[in-house]
């Protein structure tokens, strides 16, 4: 995203690009916020890349299961 500065406001093209980015970013950030709030994914529990990949995969799986259950009922 582009940012305006004091003496240099954003152009209309930059505003349009920021708008398109924010539409996608909003959905992704909302999912990460849910992970942090409901699934306690704010800090790493394990040390090492492989263990963190497993934790991320299982957190995503739990998120999708919870989302599917909420859609059904």
PDB file of N, CA and C in Angstrom:
ATOM      1  N   UNK A   1       0.837  -1.172   0.000  1.00  0.00           N
ATOM      2  CA  UNK A   1       0.000   0.000   0.000  1.00  0.00           C
ATOM      3  C   UNK A   1       0.881   1.233   0.000  1.00  0.00           C
ATOM      4  N   UNK A   2       0.402   2.227  -0.660  1.00  0.00           N
ATOM      5  CA  UNK A   2       1.135   3.495  -0.711  1.00  0.00           C
ATOM      6  C   UNK A   2       0.655   4.392   0.410  1.00  0.00           C
ATOM      7  N   UNK A   3       1.552   5.252   0.867  1.00  0.00           N
ATOM      8  CA  UNK A   3       1.246   6.131   1.979  1.00  0.00           C
ATOM      9  C   UNK A   3       1.487   7.580   1.561  1.00  0.00           C
ATOM     10  N   UNK A   4       0.599   8.460   1.969  1.00  0.00           N
ATOM     11  CA  UNK A   4       0.764   9.878   1.669  1.00  0.00           C
ATOM     12  C   UNK A   4       1.693  10.509   2.694  1.00  0.00           C
ATOM     13  N   UNK A   5       2.415  11.524   2.263  1.00  0.00           N
ATOM     14  CA  UNK A   5       3.288  12.273   3.156  1.00  0.00           C
ATOM     15  C   UNK A   5       2.766  13.705   3.269  1.00  0.00           C
ATOM     16  N   UNK A   6       3.382  14.489   4.117  1.00  0.00           N
ATOM     17  CA  UNK A   6       2.889  15.839   4.394  1.00  0.00           C
ATOM     18  C   UNK A   6       2.706  16.693   3.143  1.00  0.00           C
ATOM     19  N   UNK A   7       3.721  16.775   2.350  1.00  0.00           N
ATOM     20  CA  UNK A   7       3.668  17.655   1.183  1.00  0.00           C
ATOM     21  C   UNK A   7       3.381  16.908  -0.117  1.00  0.00           C
ATOM     22  N   UNK A   8       3.002  15.639  -0.009  1.00  0.00           N
ATOM     23  CA  UNK A   8       2.761  14.857  -1.213  1.00  0.00           C
ATOM     24  C   UNK A   8       1.553  13.938  -1.002  1.00  0.00           C
ATOM     25  N   UNK A   9       0.346  14.410  -1.299  1.00  0.00           N
ATOM     26  CA  UNK A   9      -0.841  13.566  -1.125  1.00  0.00           C
ATOM     27  C   UNK A   9      -0.882  12.457  -2.172  1.00  0.00           C
ATOM     28  N   UNK A  10      -1.713  11.473  -1.917  1.00  0.00           N
ATOM     29  CA  UNK A  10      -1.855  10.367  -2.854  1.00  0.00           C
ATOM     30  C   UNK A  10      -2.599  10.805  -4.108  1.00  0.00           C
ATOM     31  N   UNK A  11      -2.203  10.213  -5.231  1.00  0.00           N
ATOM     32  CA  UNK A  11      -2.926  10.458  -6.471  1.00  0.00           C
ATOM     33  C   UNK A  11      -4.184   9.590  -6.485  1.00  0.00           C
ATOM     34  N   UNK A  12      -5.075   9.868  -7.406  1.00  0.00           N
ATOM     35  CA  UNK A  12      -6.303   9.072  -7.522  1.00  0.00           C
ATOM     36  C   UNK A  12      -5.991   7.616  -7.863  1.00  0.00           C
ATOM     37  N   UNK A  13      -4.957   7.424  -8.689  1.00  0.00           N
ATOM     38  CA  UNK A  13      -4.544   6.058  -9.046  1.00  0.00           C
ATOM     39  C   UNK A  13      -4.047   5.305  -7.822  1.00  0.00           C
ATOM     40  N   UNK A  14      -3.247   5.975  -6.979  1.00  0.00           N
ATOM     41  CA  UNK A  14      -2.747   5.345  -5.758  1.00  0.00           C
ATOM     42  C   UNK A  14      -3.887   5.010  -4.808  1.00  0.00           C
ATOM     43  N   UNK A  15      -4.872   5.878  -4.722  1.00  0.00           N
ATOM     44  CA  UNK A  15      -6.034   5.616  -3.871  1.00  0.00           C
ATOM     45  C   UNK A  15      -6.806   4.400  -4.355  1.00  0.00           C
ATOM     46  N   UNK A  16      -6.934   4.260  -5.661  1.00  0.00           N
ATOM     47  CA  UNK A  16      -7.633   3.116  -6.235  1.00  0.00           C
ATOM     48  C   UNK A  16      -6.878   1.817  -5.962  1.00  0.00           C
ATOM     49  N   UNK A  17      -5.549   1.860  -6.121  1.00  0.00           N
ATOM     50  CA  UNK A  17      -4.729   0.680  -5.844  1.00  0.00           C
ATOM     51  C   UNK A  17      -4.842   0.296  -4.367  1.00  0.00           C
ATOM     52  N   UNK A  18      -4.776   1.276  -3.476  1.00  0.00           N
ATOM     53  CA  UNK A  18      -4.912   1.002  -2.043  1.00  0.00           C
ATOM     54  C   UNK A  18      -6.275   0.392  -1.720  1.00  0.00           C
ATOM     55  N   UNK A  19      -7.304   0.853  -2.401  1.00  0.00           N
ATOM     56  CA  UNK A  19      -8.645   0.329  -2.170  1.00  0.00           C
ATOM     57  C   UNK A  19      -8.721  -1.144  -2.545  1.00  0.00           C
ATOM     58  N   UNK A  20      -8.149  -1.523  -3.682  1.00  0.00           N
ATOM     59  CA  UNK A  20      -8.163  -2.921  -4.116  1.00  0.00           C
ATOM     60  C   UNK A  20      -7.339  -3.803  -3.172  1.00  0.00           C
ATOM     61  N   UNK A  21      -6.223  -3.300  -2.713  1.00  0.00           N
ATOM     62  CA  UNK A  21      -5.396  -4.054  -1.770  1.00  0.00           C
ATOM     63  C   UNK A  21      -6.144  -4.245  -0.455  1.00  0.00           C
ATOM     64  N   UNK A  22      -6.831  -3.210   0.007  1.00  0.00           N
ATOM     65  CA  UNK A  22      -7.503  -3.296   1.306  1.00  0.00           C
ATOM     66  C   UNK A  22      -8.673  -4.280   1.285  1.00  0.00           C
ATOM     67  N   UNK A  23      -9.304  -4.469   0.121  1.00  0.00           N
ATOM     68  CA  UNK A  23     -10.405  -5.424   0.033  1.00  0.00           C
ATOM     69  C   UNK A  23      -9.929  -6.853   0.273  1.00  0.00           C
ATOM     70  N   UNK A  24      -8.742  -7.177  -0.201  1.00  0.00           N
ATOM     71  CA  UNK A  24      -8.179  -8.511   0.017  1.00  0.00           C
ATOM     72  C   UNK A  24      -7.557  -8.595   1.404  1.00  0.00           C
ATOM     73  N   UNK A  25      -6.842  -7.571   1.785  1.00  0.00           N
ATOM     74  CA  UNK A  25      -6.126  -7.573   3.059  1.00  0.00           C
ATOM     75  C   UNK A  25      -7.084  -7.692   4.238  1.00  0.00           C
ATOM     76  N   UNK A  26      -8.254  -7.087   4.135  1.00  0.00           N
ATOM     77  CA  UNK A  26      -9.236  -7.135   5.203  1.00  0.00           C
ATOM     78  C   UNK A  26      -9.624  -8.567   5.538  1.00  0.00           C
ATOM     79  N   UNK A  27      -9.861  -9.370   4.514  1.00  0.00           N
ATOM     80  CA  UNK A  27     -10.272 -10.761   4.735  1.00  0.00           C
ATOM     81  C   UNK A  27      -9.160 -11.578   5.377  1.00  0.00           C
ATOM     82  N   UNK A  28      -7.932 -11.358   4.931  1.00  0.00           N
ATOM     83  CA  UNK A  28      -6.795 -12.106   5.477  1.00  0.00           C
ATOM     84  C   UNK A  28      -6.524 -11.689   6.913  1.00  0.00           C
ATOM     85  N   UNK A  29      -6.520 -10.399   7.185  1.00  0.00           N
ATOM     86  CA  UNK A  29      -6.246  -9.914   8.539  1.00  0.00           C
ATOM     87  C   UNK A  29      -7.324 -10.351   9.517  1.00  0.00           C
ATOM     88  N   UNK A  30      -8.558 -10.440   9.055  1.00  0.00           N
ATOM     89  CA  UNK A  30      -9.638 -10.898   9.923  1.00  0.00           C
ATOM     90  C   UNK A  30      -9.405 -12.351  10.341  1.00  0.00           C
ATOM     91  N   UNK A  31      -8.940 -13.181   9.419  1.00  0.00           N
ATOM     92  CA  UNK A  31      -8.659 -14.580   9.755  1.00  0.00           C
ATOM     93  C   UNK A  31      -7.523 -14.673  10.775  1.00  0.00           C
ATOM     94  N   UNK A  32      -6.453 -13.892  10.587  1.00  0.00           N
ATOM     95  CA  UNK A  32      -5.354 -13.928  11.547  1.00  0.00           C
ATOM     96  C   UNK A  32      -5.790 -13.397  12.905  1.00  0.00           C
ATOM     97  N   UNK A  33      -6.673 -12.416  12.925  1.00  0.00           N
ATOM     98  CA  UNK A  33      -7.196 -11.914  14.189  1.00  0.00           C
ATOM     99  C   UNK A  33      -7.979 -12.974  14.931  1.00  0.00           C
ATOM    100  N   UNK A  34      -8.753 -13.773  14.193  1.00  0.00           N
ATOM    101  CA  UNK A  34      -9.494 -14.863  14.808  1.00  0.00           C
ATOM    102  C   UNK A  34      -8.537 -15.921  15.346  1.00  0.00           C
ATOM    103  N   UNK A  35      -7.486 -16.196  14.598  1.00  0.00           N
ATOM    104  CA  UNK A  35      -6.486 -17.155  15.079  1.00  0.00           C
ATOM    105  C   UNK A  35      -5.896 -16.696  16.396  1.00  0.00           C
ATOM    106  N   UNK A  36      -5.558 -15.406  16.470  1.00  0.00           N
ATOM    107  CA  UNK A  36      -4.932 -14.887  17.685  1.00  0.00           C
ATOM    108  C   UNK A  36      -5.905 -14.859  18.851  1.00  0.00           C
ATOM    109  N   UNK A  37      -7.152 -14.470  18.583  1.00  0.00           N
ATOM    110  CA  UNK A  37      -8.126 -14.303  19.661  1.00  0.00           C
ATOM    111  C   UNK A  37      -8.665 -15.644  20.152  1.00  0.00           C
ATOM    112  N   UNK A  38      -9.126 -16.482  19.243  1.00  0.00           N
ATOM    113  CA  UNK A  38      -9.819 -17.711  19.623  1.00  0.00           C
ATOM    114  C   UNK A  38      -8.898 -18.923  19.743  1.00  0.00           C
ATOM    115  N   UNK A  39      -7.870 -18.985  18.929  1.00  0.00           N
ATOM    116  CA  UNK A  39      -7.024 -20.177  18.895  1.00  0.00           C
ATOM    117  C   UNK A  39      -5.668 -19.966  19.561  1.00  0.00           C
ATOM    118  N   UNK A  40      -5.472 -18.825  20.180  1.00  0.00           N
ATOM    119  CA  UNK A  40      -4.253 -18.489  20.924  1.00  0.00           C
ATOM    120  C   UNK A  40      -2.984 -18.675  20.090  1.00  0.00           C
ATOM    121  N   UNK A  41      -2.984 -18.072  18.925  1.00  0.00           N
ATOM    122  CA  UNK A  41      -1.850 -18.192  18.009  1.00  0.00           C
ATOM    123  C   UNK A  41      -0.997 -16.924  18.018  1.00  0.00           C
ATOM    124  N   UNK A  42      -0.920 -16.263  19.157  1.00  0.00           N
ATOM    125  CA  UNK A  42      -0.184 -15.004  19.202  1.00  0.00           C
ATOM    126  C   UNK A  42       1.320 -15.206  19.383  1.00  0.00           C
ATOM    127  N   UNK A  43       1.698 -16.320  19.995  1.00  0.00           N
ATOM    128  CA  UNK A  43       3.124 -16.593  20.187  1.00  0.00           C
ATOM    129  C   UNK A  43       3.435 -18.018  19.781  1.00  0.00           C
ATOM    130  N   UNK A  44       4.667 -18.234  19.358  1.00  0.00           N
ATOM    131  CA  UNK A  44       5.083 -19.575  18.946  1.00  0.00           C
ATOM    132  C   UNK A  44       5.266 -20.461  20.176  1.00  0.00           C
ATOM    133  N   UNK A  45       4.721 -21.647  20.099  1.00  0.00           N
ATOM    134  CA  UNK A  45       4.875 -22.591  21.205  1.00  0.00           C
ATOM    135  C   UNK A  45       6.098 -23.475  21.032  1.00  0.00           C
ATOM    136  N   UNK A  46       6.560 -23.597  19.810  1.00  0.00           N
ATOM    137  CA  UNK A  46       7.649 -24.515  19.514  1.00  0.00           C
ATOM    138  C   UNK A  46       8.815 -23.772  18.879  1.00  0.00           C
ATOM    139  N   UNK A  47       9.975 -24.387  18.934  1.00  0.00           N
ATOM    140  CA  UNK A  47      11.167 -23.827  18.317  1.00  0.00           C
ATOM    141  C   UNK A  47      11.520 -24.709  17.130  1.00  0.00           C
ATOM    142  N   UNK A  48      11.763 -24.092  16.013  1.00  0.00           N
ATOM    143  CA  UNK A  48      12.139 -24.829  14.817  1.00  0.00           C
ATOM    144  C   UNK A  48      11.112 -24.664  13.716  1.00  0.00           C
ATOM    145  N   UNK A  49      11.604 -24.665  12.513  1.00  0.00           N
ATOM    146  CA  UNK A  49      10.750 -24.421  11.351  1.00  0.00           C
ATOM    147  C   UNK A  49       9.731 -25.537  11.150  1.00  0.00           C
ATOM    148  N   UNK A  50      10.159 -26.769  11.252  1.00  0.00           N
ATOM    149  CA  UNK A  50       9.265 -27.897  10.996  1.00  0.00           C
ATOM    150  C   UNK A  50       8.123 -27.945  12.008  1.00  0.00           C
ATOM    151  N   UNK A  51       8.441 -27.734  13.275  1.00  0.00           N
ATOM    152  CA  UNK A  51       7.402 -27.751  14.308  1.00  0.00           C
ATOM    153  C   UNK A  51       6.425 -26.596  14.134  1.00  0.00           C
ATOM    154  N   UNK A  52       6.943 -25.435  13.746  1.00  0.00           N
ATOM    155  CA  UNK A  52       6.058 -24.289  13.529  1.00  0.00           C
ATOM    156  C   UNK A  52       5.165 -24.503  12.309  1.00  0.00           C
ATOM    157  N   UNK A  53       5.671 -25.180  11.285  1.00  0.00           N
ATOM    158  CA  UNK A  53       4.837 -25.474  10.124  1.00  0.00           C
ATOM    159  C   UNK A  53       3.685 -26.399  10.506  1.00  0.00           C
ATOM    160  N   UNK A  54       3.970 -27.372  11.381  1.00  0.00           N
ATOM    161  CA  UNK A  54       2.908 -28.257  11.861  1.00  0.00           C
ATOM    162  C   UNK A  54       1.895 -27.479  12.692  1.00  0.00           C
ATOM    163  N   UNK A  55       2.366 -26.599  13.552  1.00  0.00           N
ATOM    164  CA  UNK A  55       1.453 -25.809  14.373  1.00  0.00           C
ATOM    165  C   UNK A  55       0.576 -24.920  13.487  1.00  0.00           C
ATOM    166  N   UNK A  56       1.167 -24.305  12.478  1.00  0.00           N
ATOM    167  CA  UNK A  56       0.408 -23.464  11.560  1.00  0.00           C
ATOM    168  C   UNK A  56      -0.629 -24.280  10.796  1.00  0.00           C
ATOM    169  N   UNK A  57      -0.254 -25.465  10.355  1.00  0.00           N
ATOM    170  CA  UNK A  57      -1.184 -26.324   9.618  1.00  0.00           C
ATOM    171  C   UNK A  57      -2.353 -26.743  10.501  1.00  0.00           C
ATOM    172  N   UNK A  58      -2.080 -27.142  11.721  1.00  0.00           N
ATOM    173  CA  UNK A  58      -3.161 -27.565  12.613  1.00  0.00           C
ATOM    174  C   UNK A  58      -4.034 -26.398  13.059  1.00  0.00           C
ATOM    175  N   UNK A  59      -3.439 -25.221  13.200  1.00  0.00           N
ATOM    176  CA  UNK A  59      -4.236 -24.042  13.540  1.00  0.00           C
ATOM    177  C   UNK A  59      -5.173 -23.704  12.386  1.00  0.00           C
ATOM    178  N   UNK A  60      -4.674 -23.779  11.168  1.00  0.00           N
ATOM    179  CA  UNK A  60      -5.518 -23.551   9.997  1.00  0.00           C
ATOM    180  C   UNK A  60      -6.627 -24.586   9.885  1.00  0.00           C
ATOM    181  N   UNK A  61      -6.303 -25.826  10.196  1.00  0.00           N
ATOM    182  CA  UNK A  61      -7.305 -26.889  10.168  1.00  0.00           C
ATOM    183  C   UNK A  61      -8.392 -26.631  11.211  1.00  0.00           C
ATOM    184  N   UNK A  62      -7.984 -26.260  12.420  1.00  0.00           N
ATOM    185  CA  UNK A  62      -8.952 -25.967  13.475  1.00  0.00           C
ATOM    186  C   UNK A  62      -9.832 -24.775  13.089  1.00  0.00           C
ATOM    187  N   UNK A  63      -9.233 -23.775  12.489  1.00  0.00           N
ATOM    188  CA  UNK A  63      -9.987 -22.594  12.051  1.00  0.00           C
ATOM    189  C   UNK A  63     -11.028 -22.982  11.010  1.00  0.00           C
ATOM    190  N   UNK A  64     -10.639 -23.804  10.044  1.00  0.00           N
ATOM    191  CA  UNK A  64     -11.569 -24.208   8.990  1.00  0.00           C
ATOM    192  C   UNK A  64     -12.687 -25.087   9.522  1.00  0.00           C
ATOM    193  N   UNK A  65     -12.379 -25.971  10.467  1.00  0.00           N
ATOM    194  CA  UNK A  65     -13.415 -26.813  11.071  1.00  0.00           C
ATOM    195  C   UNK A  65     -14.410 -25.947  11.841  1.00  0.00           C
ATOM    196  N   UNK A  66     -13.888 -25.003  12.618  1.00  0.00           N
ATOM    197  CA  UNK A  66     -14.769 -24.117  13.382  1.00  0.00           C
ATOM    198  C   UNK A  66     -15.648 -23.297  12.443  1.00  0.00           C
ATOM    199  N   UNK A  67     -15.078 -22.816  11.371  1.00  0.00           N
ATOM    200  CA  UNK A  67     -15.832 -22.028  10.391  1.00  0.00           C
ATOM    201  C   UNK A  67     -16.907 -22.872   9.728  1.00  0.00           C
ATOM    202  N   UNK A  68     -16.600 -24.133   9.401  1.00  0.00           N
ATOM    203  CA  UNK A  68     -17.569 -25.019   8.765  1.00  0.00           C
ATOM    204  C   UNK A  68     -18.726 -25.336   9.710  1.00  0.00           C
ATOM    205  N   UNK A  69     -18.420 -25.570  10.969  1.00  0.00           N
ATOM    206  CA  UNK A  69     -19.470 -25.855  11.950  1.00  0.00           C
ATOM    207  C   UNK A  69     -20.387 -24.651  12.099  1.00  0.00           C
ATOM    208  N   UNK A  70     -19.822 -23.463  12.148  1.00  0.00           N
ATOM    209  CA  UNK A  70     -20.644 -22.266  12.280  1.00  0.00           C
ATOM    210  C   UNK A  70     -21.506 -22.019  11.052  1.00  0.00           C
ATOM    211  N   UNK A  71     -21.038 -22.427   9.883  1.00  0.00           N
ATOM    212  CA  UNK A  71     -21.847 -22.261   8.673  1.00  0.00           C
ATOM    213  C   UNK A  71     -23.007 -23.250   8.626  1.00  0.00           C
ATOM    214  N   UNK A  72     -22.818 -24.423   9.215  1.00  0.00           N
ATOM    215  CA  UNK A  72     -23.865 -25.450   9.195  1.00  0.00           C
ATOM    216  C   UNK A  72     -25.008 -25.136  10.135  1.00  0.00           C
ATOM    217  N   UNK A  73     -24.718 -24.479  11.235  1.00  0.00           N
ATOM    218  CA  UNK A  73     -25.770 -24.241  12.245  1.00  0.00           C
ATOM    219  C   UNK A  73     -26.116 -22.814  12.332  1.00  0.00           C
TER     220      UNK A  73
END
